Amino acid sequence: MQQTTEAQNVSEGTPLRSSAAKDVSLVTLMPKWGGANNAPPLAERFEAIEGTAKIGNWTDADKIQFCVLRLTDNARLLSSYP
């Protein structure tokens, strides 16, 4: 069995494990979004998601799951469309 060094993992594009724990309680900081005409712009939502994810040490998969959980109204209906 061959040991791989941290440098080898980086050069191969393999993500390294972070020693920091995920903080999923921060999901409440993400604004709910329903897609109505009076809803805040998506750019603001994405900025909030990225900032919250960075603080919470979330993966891309975490971001997607939490975003879907925070959808409301028509946006929730569209997200469940096959």
PDB file of N, CA and C in Angstrom:
ATOM      1  N   MET A   1       0.847  -1.168   0.000  1.00  0.00           N
ATOM      2  CA  MET A   1       0.000   0.000   0.000  1.00  0.00           C
ATOM      3  C   MET A   1       0.896   1.236   0.000  1.00  0.00           C
ATOM      4  N   GLN A   2       0.631   2.167  -0.895  1.00  0.00           N
ATOM      5  CA  GLN A   2       1.459   3.351  -1.054  1.00  0.00           C
ATOM      6  C   GLN A   2       0.816   4.543  -0.351  1.00  0.00           C
ATOM      7  N   GLN A   3       1.611   5.250   0.441  1.00  0.00           N
ATOM      8  CA  GLN A   3       1.106   6.443   1.099  1.00  0.00           C
ATOM      9  C   GLN A   3       1.173   7.609   0.131  1.00  0.00           C
ATOM     10  N   THR A   4       0.140   8.443   0.152  1.00  0.00           N
ATOM     11  CA  THR A   4       0.166   9.641  -0.675  1.00  0.00           C
ATOM     12  C   THR A   4       0.373  10.830   0.235  1.00  0.00           C
ATOM     13  N   THR A   5       1.155  11.740  -0.225  1.00  0.00           N
ATOM     14  CA  THR A   5       1.412  12.942   0.558  1.00  0.00           C
ATOM     15  C   THR A   5       0.369  13.987   0.248  1.00  0.00           C
ATOM     16  N   GLU A   6       0.301  14.978   1.100  1.00  0.00           N
ATOM     17  CA  GLU A   6      -0.657  16.071   0.897  1.00  0.00           C
ATOM     18  C   GLU A   6      -0.398  16.766  -0.431  1.00  0.00           C
ATOM     19  N   ALA A   7       0.852  16.952  -0.790  1.00  0.00           N
ATOM     20  CA  ALA A   7       1.196  17.612  -2.047  1.00  0.00           C
ATOM     21  C   ALA A   7       0.718  16.794  -3.240  1.00  0.00           C
ATOM     22  N   GLN A   8       0.835  15.471  -3.151  1.00  0.00           N
ATOM     23  CA  GLN A   8       0.363  14.624  -4.239  1.00  0.00           C
ATOM     24  C   GLN A   8      -1.144  14.736  -4.390  1.00  0.00           C
ATOM     25  N   ASN A   9      -1.857  14.771  -3.281  1.00  0.00           N
ATOM     26  CA  ASN A   9      -3.313  14.902  -3.334  1.00  0.00           C
ATOM     27  C   ASN A   9      -3.714  16.207  -4.002  1.00  0.00           C
ATOM     28  N   VAL A  10      -3.042  17.277  -3.679  1.00  0.00           N
ATOM     29  CA  VAL A  10      -3.370  18.574  -4.266  1.00  0.00           C
ATOM     30  C   VAL A  10      -3.094  18.561  -5.751  1.00  0.00           C
ATOM     31  N   SER A  11      -1.952  18.029  -6.143  1.00  0.00           N
ATOM     32  CA  SER A  11      -1.598  18.031  -7.559  1.00  0.00           C
ATOM     33  C   SER A  11      -2.527  17.140  -8.375  1.00  0.00           C
ATOM     34  N   GLU A  12      -3.090  16.114  -7.761  1.00  0.00           N
ATOM     35  CA  GLU A  12      -4.003  15.220  -8.466  1.00  0.00           C
ATOM     36  C   GLU A  12      -5.437  15.716  -8.443  1.00  0.00           C
ATOM     37  N   GLY A  13      -5.681  16.803  -7.732  1.00  0.00           N
ATOM     38  CA  GLY A  13      -7.023  17.349  -7.670  1.00  0.00           C
ATOM     39  C   GLY A  13      -7.922  16.660  -6.655  1.00  0.00           C
ATOM     40  N   THR A  14      -7.363  15.802  -5.833  1.00  0.00           N
ATOM     41  CA  THR A  14      -8.144  15.119  -4.812  1.00  0.00           C
ATOM     42  C   THR A  14      -8.364  16.077  -3.646  1.00  0.00           C
ATOM     43  N   PRO A  15      -9.605  16.280  -3.249  1.00  0.00           N
ATOM     44  CA  PRO A  15      -9.845  17.200  -2.137  1.00  0.00           C
ATOM     45  C   PRO A  15      -9.260  16.653  -0.846  1.00  0.00           C
ATOM     46  N   LEU A  16      -8.705  17.530  -0.077  1.00  0.00           N
ATOM     47  CA  LEU A  16      -8.153  17.157   1.212  1.00  0.00           C
ATOM     48  C   LEU A  16      -9.227  17.279   2.277  1.00  0.00           C
ATOM     49  N   ARG A  17      -9.183  16.446   3.248  1.00  0.00           N
ATOM     50  CA  ARG A  17     -10.137  16.535   4.348  1.00  0.00           C
ATOM     51  C   ARG A  17      -9.771  17.706   5.230  1.00  0.00           C
ATOM     52  N   SER A  18     -10.757  18.425   5.633  1.00  0.00           N
ATOM     53  CA  SER A  18     -10.559  19.540   6.537  1.00  0.00           C
ATOM     54  C   SER A  18     -10.755  19.055   7.960  1.00  0.00           C
ATOM     55  N   SER A  19      -9.971  19.593   8.864  1.00  0.00           N
ATOM     56  CA  SER A  19     -10.105  19.192  10.255  1.00  0.00           C
ATOM     57  C   SER A  19     -11.249  19.938  10.943  1.00  0.00           C
ATOM     58  N   ALA A  20     -11.751  20.973  10.306  1.00  0.00           N
ATOM     59  CA  ALA A  20     -12.837  21.752  10.896  1.00  0.00           C
ATOM     60  C   ALA A  20     -14.165  21.024  10.699  1.00  0.00           C
ATOM     61  N   ALA A  21     -15.011  21.136  11.692  1.00  0.00           N
ATOM     62  CA  ALA A  21     -16.333  20.499  11.622  1.00  0.00           C
ATOM     63  C   ALA A  21     -17.302  21.372  10.847  1.00  0.00           C
ATOM     64  N   LYS A  22     -18.320  20.748  10.270  1.00  0.00           N
ATOM     65  CA  LYS A  22     -19.366  21.492   9.570  1.00  0.00           C
ATOM     66  C   LYS A  22     -20.312  22.099  10.592  1.00  0.00           C
ATOM     67  N   ASP A  23     -20.782  23.300  10.309  1.00  0.00           N
ATOM     68  CA  ASP A  23     -21.769  23.943  11.164  1.00  0.00           C
ATOM     69  C   ASP A  23     -23.056  24.095  10.361  1.00  0.00           C
ATOM     70  N   VAL A  24     -23.933  23.126  10.514  1.00  0.00           N
ATOM     71  CA  VAL A  24     -25.179  23.153   9.746  1.00  0.00           C
ATOM     72  C   VAL A  24     -26.222  24.068  10.371  1.00  0.00           C
ATOM     73  N   SER A  25     -25.988  24.526  11.593  1.00  0.00           N
ATOM     74  CA  SER A  25     -26.942  25.445  12.220  1.00  0.00           C
ATOM     75  C   SER A  25     -27.001  26.775  11.480  1.00  0.00           C
ATOM     76  N   LEU A  26     -25.987  27.056  10.682  1.00  0.00           N
ATOM     77  CA  LEU A  26     -25.944  28.317   9.933  1.00  0.00           C
ATOM     78  C   LEU A  26     -26.952  28.357   8.791  1.00  0.00           C
ATOM     79  N   VAL A  27     -27.593  27.236   8.497  1.00  0.00           N
ATOM     80  CA  VAL A  27     -28.574  27.210   7.418  1.00  0.00           C
ATOM     81  C   VAL A  27     -29.668  28.243   7.658  1.00  0.00           C
ATOM     82  N   THR A  28     -29.937  28.565   8.905  1.00  0.00           N
ATOM     83  CA  THR A  28     -30.974  29.554   9.215  1.00  0.00           C
ATOM     84  C   THR A  28     -30.574  30.965   8.787  1.00  0.00           C
ATOM     85  N   LEU A  29     -29.292  31.184   8.532  1.00  0.00           N
ATOM     86  CA  LEU A  29     -28.841  32.495   8.050  1.00  0.00           C
ATOM     87  C   LEU A  29     -29.145  32.691   6.567  1.00  0.00           C
ATOM     88  N   MET A  30     -29.359  31.588   5.869  1.00  0.00           N
ATOM     89  CA  MET A  30     -29.663  31.674   4.446  1.00  0.00           C
ATOM     90  C   MET A  30     -31.102  32.132   4.278  1.00  0.00           C
ATOM     91  N   PRO A  31     -31.331  33.138   3.459  1.00  0.00           N
ATOM     92  CA  PRO A  31     -32.702  33.609   3.282  1.00  0.00           C
ATOM     93  C   PRO A  31     -33.554  32.592   2.531  1.00  0.00           C
ATOM     94  N   LYS A  32     -34.828  32.523   2.906  1.00  0.00           N
ATOM     95  CA  LYS A  32     -35.764  31.710   2.123  1.00  0.00           C
ATOM     96  C   LYS A  32     -36.006  32.442   0.822  1.00  0.00           C
ATOM     97  N   TRP A  33     -36.341  31.694  -0.224  1.00  0.00           N
ATOM     98  CA  TRP A  33     -36.538  32.320  -1.526  1.00  0.00           C
ATOM     99  C   TRP A  33     -37.635  31.588  -2.268  1.00  0.00           C
ATOM    100  N   GLY A  34     -38.602  32.357  -2.779  1.00  0.00           N
ATOM    101  CA  GLY A  34     -39.729  31.755  -3.471  1.00  0.00           C
ATOM    102  C   GLY A  34     -39.832  32.104  -4.940  1.00  0.00           C
ATOM    103  N   GLY A  35     -39.012  33.026  -5.402  1.00  0.00           N
ATOM    104  CA  GLY A  35     -39.015  33.358  -6.815  1.00  0.00           C
ATOM    105  C   GLY A  35     -40.063  34.363  -7.241  1.00  0.00           C
ATOM    106  N   ALA A  36     -40.764  34.978  -6.295  1.00  0.00           N
ATOM    107  CA  ALA A  36     -41.782  35.972  -6.641  1.00  0.00           C
ATOM    108  C   ALA A  36     -41.129  37.237  -7.199  1.00  0.00           C
ATOM    109  N   ASN A  37     -41.923  38.061  -7.865  1.00  0.00           N
ATOM    110  CA  ASN A  37     -41.401  39.302  -8.450  1.00  0.00           C
ATOM    111  C   ASN A  37     -40.777  40.226  -7.413  1.00  0.00           C
ATOM    112  N   ASN A  38     -41.294  40.190  -6.187  1.00  0.00           N
ATOM    113  CA  ASN A  38     -40.761  41.069  -5.147  1.00  0.00           C
ATOM    114  C   ASN A  38     -39.643  40.414  -4.327  1.00  0.00           C
ATOM    115  N   ALA A  39     -39.220  39.208  -4.709  1.00  0.00           N
ATOM    116  CA  ALA A  39     -38.139  38.506  -4.006  1.00  0.00           C
ATOM    117  C   ALA A  39     -36.801  39.194  -4.283  1.00  0.00           C
ATOM    118  N   PRO A  40     -35.891  39.121  -3.331  1.00  0.00           N
ATOM    119  CA  PRO A  40     -34.563  39.686  -3.563  1.00  0.00           C
ATOM    120  C   PRO A  40     -33.909  39.020  -4.779  1.00  0.00           C
ATOM    121  N   PRO A  41     -33.001  39.727  -5.437  1.00  0.00           N
ATOM    122  CA  PRO A  41     -32.328  39.146  -6.608  1.00  0.00           C
ATOM    123  C   PRO A  41     -31.552  37.871  -6.256  1.00  0.00           C
ATOM    124  N   LEU A  42     -31.455  36.990  -7.218  1.00  0.00           N
ATOM    125  CA  LEU A  42     -30.717  35.742  -7.000  1.00  0.00           C
ATOM    126  C   LEU A  42     -29.255  35.998  -6.646  1.00  0.00           C
ATOM    127  N   ALA A  43     -28.671  37.046  -7.192  1.00  0.00           N
ATOM    128  CA  ALA A  43     -27.270  37.346  -6.894  1.00  0.00           C
ATOM    129  C   ALA A  43     -27.068  37.537  -5.390  1.00  0.00           C
ATOM    130  N   GLU A  44     -28.004  38.216  -4.741  1.00  0.00           N
ATOM    131  CA  GLU A  44     -27.917  38.406  -3.284  1.00  0.00           C
ATOM    132  C   GLU A  44     -28.023  37.073  -2.563  1.00  0.00           C
ATOM    133  N   ARG A  45     -28.915  36.236  -3.040  1.00  0.00           N
ATOM    134  CA  ARG A  45     -29.086  34.908  -2.427  1.00  0.00           C
ATOM    135  C   ARG A  45     -27.806  34.092  -2.571  1.00  0.00           C
ATOM    136  N   PHE A  46     -27.219  34.106  -3.750  1.00  0.00           N
ATOM    137  CA  PHE A  46     -25.987  33.341  -3.967  1.00  0.00           C
ATOM    138  C   PHE A  46     -24.844  33.853  -3.096  1.00  0.00           C
ATOM    139  N   GLU A  47     -24.755  35.167  -2.932  1.00  0.00           N
ATOM    140  CA  GLU A  47     -23.718  35.737  -2.063  1.00  0.00           C
ATOM    141  C   GLU A  47     -23.908  35.267  -0.623  1.00  0.00           C
ATOM    142  N   ALA A  48     -25.155  35.261  -0.163  1.00  0.00           N
ATOM    143  CA  ALA A  48     -25.444  34.808   1.203  1.00  0.00           C
ATOM    144  C   ALA A  48     -25.105  33.328   1.360  1.00  0.00           C
ATOM    145  N   ILE A  49     -25.414  32.556   0.354  1.00  0.00           N
ATOM    146  CA  ILE A  49     -25.129  31.118   0.398  1.00  0.00           C
ATOM    147  C   ILE A  49     -23.625  30.880   0.460  1.00  0.00           C
ATOM    148  N   GLU A  50     -22.887  31.543  -0.411  1.00  0.00           N
ATOM    149  CA  GLU A  50     -21.430  31.352  -0.456  1.00  0.00           C
ATOM    150  C   GLU A  50     -20.770  31.771   0.858  1.00  0.00           C
ATOM    151  N   GLY A  51     -21.201  32.906   1.390  1.00  0.00           N
ATOM    152  CA  GLY A  51     -20.623  33.381   2.645  1.00  0.00           C
ATOM    153  C   GLY A  51     -20.940  32.446   3.804  1.00  0.00           C
ATOM    154  N   THR A  52     -22.174  32.013   3.877  1.00  0.00           N
ATOM    155  CA  THR A  52     -22.593  31.099   4.942  1.00  0.00           C
ATOM    156  C   THR A  52     -21.867  29.766   4.817  1.00  0.00           C
ATOM    157  N   ALA A  53     -21.734  29.271   3.598  1.00  0.00           N
ATOM    158  CA  ALA A  53     -21.066  27.992   3.366  1.00  0.00           C
ATOM    159  C   ALA A  53     -19.594  28.059   3.755  1.00  0.00           C
ATOM    160  N   LYS A  54     -18.980  29.167   3.480  1.00  0.00           N
ATOM    161  CA  LYS A  54     -17.558  29.326   3.823  1.00  0.00           C
ATOM    162  C   LYS A  54     -17.372  29.288   5.342  1.00  0.00           C
ATOM    163  N   ILE A  55     -18.226  30.007   6.046  1.00  0.00           N
ATOM    164  CA  ILE A  55     -18.146  30.034   7.505  1.00  0.00           C
ATOM    165  C   ILE A  55     -18.460  28.656   8.092  1.00  0.00           C
ATOM    166  N   GLY A  56     -19.456  27.976   7.520  1.00  0.00           N
ATOM    167  CA  GLY A  56     -19.902  26.681   8.031  1.00  0.00           C
ATOM    168  C   GLY A  56     -19.091  25.493   7.569  1.00  0.00           C
ATOM    169  N   ASN A  57     -18.121  25.721   6.680  1.00  0.00           N
ATOM    170  CA  ASN A  57     -17.269  24.649   6.162  1.00  0.00           C
ATOM    171  C   ASN A  57     -18.093  23.599   5.409  1.00  0.00           C
ATOM    172  N   TRP A  58     -19.004  24.085   4.543  1.00  0.00           N
ATOM    173  CA  TRP A  58     -19.876  23.200   3.788  1.00  0.00           C
ATOM    174  C   TRP A  58     -19.240  22.812   2.461  1.00  0.00           C
ATOM    175  N   THR A  59     -19.620  21.647   1.978  1.00  0.00           N
ATOM    176  CA  THR A  59     -19.209  21.213   0.645  1.00  0.00           C
ATOM    177  C   THR A  59     -20.212  21.753  -0.379  1.00  0.00           C
ATOM    178  N   ASP A  60     -19.925  21.575  -1.645  1.00  0.00           N
ATOM    179  CA  ASP A  60     -20.876  21.981  -2.682  1.00  0.00           C
ATOM    180  C   ASP A  60     -22.189  21.204  -2.554  1.00  0.00           C
ATOM    181  N   ALA A  61     -22.084  19.927  -2.212  1.00  0.00           N
ATOM    182  CA  ALA A  61     -23.296  19.107  -2.027  1.00  0.00           C
ATOM    183  C   ALA A  61     -24.134  19.641  -0.867  1.00  0.00           C
ATOM    184  N   ASP A  62     -23.472  20.069   0.200  1.00  0.00           N
ATOM    185  CA  ASP A  62     -24.188  20.667   1.337  1.00  0.00           C
ATOM    186  C   ASP A  62     -24.940  21.909   0.888  1.00  0.00           C
ATOM    187  N   LYS A  63     -24.274  22.759   0.128  1.00  0.00           N
ATOM    188  CA  LYS A  63     -24.898  24.000  -0.340  1.00  0.00           C
ATOM    189  C   LYS A  63     -26.159  23.713  -1.139  1.00  0.00           C
ATOM    190  N   ILE A  64     -26.092  22.736  -2.004  1.00  0.00           N
ATOM    191  CA  ILE A  64     -27.247  22.397  -2.839  1.00  0.00           C
ATOM    192  C   ILE A  64     -28.402  21.918  -1.963  1.00  0.00           C
ATOM    193  N   GLN A  65     -28.113  21.019  -1.040  1.00  0.00           N
ATOM    194  CA  GLN A  65     -29.179  20.488  -0.181  1.00  0.00           C
ATOM    195  C   GLN A  65     -29.801  21.589   0.671  1.00  0.00           C
ATOM    196  N   PHE A  66     -28.991  22.450   1.250  1.00  0.00           N
ATOM    197  CA  PHE A  66     -29.512  23.512   2.098  1.00  0.00           C
ATOM    198  C   PHE A  66     -30.294  24.538   1.282  1.00  0.00           C
ATOM    199  N   CYS A  67     -29.851  24.807   0.071  1.00  0.00           N
ATOM    200  CA  CYS A  67     -30.580  25.737  -0.794  1.00  0.00           C
ATOM    201  C   CYS A  67     -31.970  25.225  -1.103  1.00  0.00           C
ATOM    202  N   VAL A  68     -32.070  23.954  -1.417  1.00  0.00           N
ATOM    203  CA  VAL A  68     -33.376  23.367  -1.714  1.00  0.00           C
ATOM    204  C   VAL A  68     -34.280  23.432  -0.484  1.00  0.00           C
ATOM    205  N   LEU A  69     -33.708  23.202   0.680  1.00  0.00           N
ATOM    206  CA  LEU A  69     -34.505  23.274   1.911  1.00  0.00           C
ATOM    207  C   LEU A  69     -35.056  24.671   2.170  1.00  0.00           C
ATOM    208  N   ARG A  70     -34.375  25.703   1.686  1.00  0.00           N
ATOM    209  CA  ARG A  70     -34.781  27.076   1.946  1.00  0.00           C
ATOM    210  C   ARG A  70     -35.669  27.651   0.845  1.00  0.00           C
ATOM    211  N   LEU A  71     -36.018  26.847  -0.151  1.00  0.00           N
ATOM    212  CA  LEU A  71     -36.925  27.309  -1.202  1.00  0.00           C
ATOM    213  C   LEU A  71     -38.361  27.288  -0.703  1.00  0.00           C
ATOM    214  N   THR A  72     -39.162  28.226  -1.198  1.00  0.00           N
ATOM    215  CA  THR A  72     -40.579  28.274  -0.839  1.00  0.00           C
ATOM    216  C   THR A  72     -41.406  28.470  -2.109  1.00  0.00           C
ATOM    217  N   ASP A  73     -42.685  28.314  -1.972  1.00  0.00           N
ATOM    218  CA  ASP A  73     -43.662  28.633  -3.022  1.00  0.00           C
ATOM    219  C   ASP A  73     -43.311  28.004  -4.376  1.00  0.00           C
ATOM    220  N   ASN A  74     -43.340  28.855  -5.414  1.00  0.00           N
ATOM    221  CA  ASN A  74     -43.103  28.368  -6.784  1.00  0.00           C
ATOM    222  C   ASN A  74     -41.706  27.812  -6.972  1.00  0.00           C
ATOM    223  N   ALA A  75     -40.733  28.377  -6.280  1.00  0.00           N
ATOM    224  CA  ALA A  75     -39.359  27.875  -6.418  1.00  0.00           C
ATOM    225  C   ALA A  75     -39.263  26.427  -5.932  1.00  0.00           C
ATOM    226  N   ARG A  76     -39.963  26.085  -4.883  1.00  0.00           N
ATOM    227  CA  ARG A  76     -39.961  24.715  -4.376  1.00  0.00           C
ATOM    228  C   ARG A  76     -40.611  23.794  -5.394  1.00  0.00           C
ATOM    229  N   LEU A  77     -41.703  24.244  -5.996  1.00  0.00           N
ATOM    230  CA  LEU A  77     -42.360  23.426  -7.011  1.00  0.00           C
ATOM    231  C   LEU A  77     -41.439  23.156  -8.199  1.00  0.00           C
ATOM    232  N   LEU A  78     -40.731  24.184  -8.636  1.00  0.00           N
ATOM    233  CA  LEU A  78     -39.817  24.020  -9.773  1.00  0.00           C
ATOM    234  C   LEU A  78     -38.664  23.100  -9.439  1.00  0.00           C
ATOM    235  N   SER A  79     -38.185  23.149  -8.200  1.00  0.00           N
ATOM    236  CA  SER A  79     -37.038  22.306  -7.831  1.00  0.00           C
ATOM    237  C   SER A  79     -37.403  20.840  -7.809  1.00  0.00           C
ATOM    238  N   SER A  80     -38.680  20.518  -7.629  1.00  0.00           N
ATOM    239  CA  SER A  80     -39.090  19.122  -7.596  1.00  0.00           C
ATOM    240  C   SER A  80     -39.532  18.618  -8.966  1.00  0.00           C
ATOM    241  N   TYR A  81     -39.529  19.489  -9.958  1.00  0.00           N
ATOM    242  CA  TYR A  81     -39.912  19.086 -11.307  1.00  0.00           C
ATOM    243  C   TYR A  81     -38.867  18.152 -11.877  1.00  0.00           C
ATOM    244  N   PRO A  82     -39.297  17.032 -12.485  1.00  0.00           N
ATOM    245  CA  PRO A  82     -38.326  16.029 -12.962  1.00  0.00           C
ATOM    246  C   PRO A  82     -37.425  16.516 -14.006  1.00  0.00           C
TER     247      PRO A  82
END
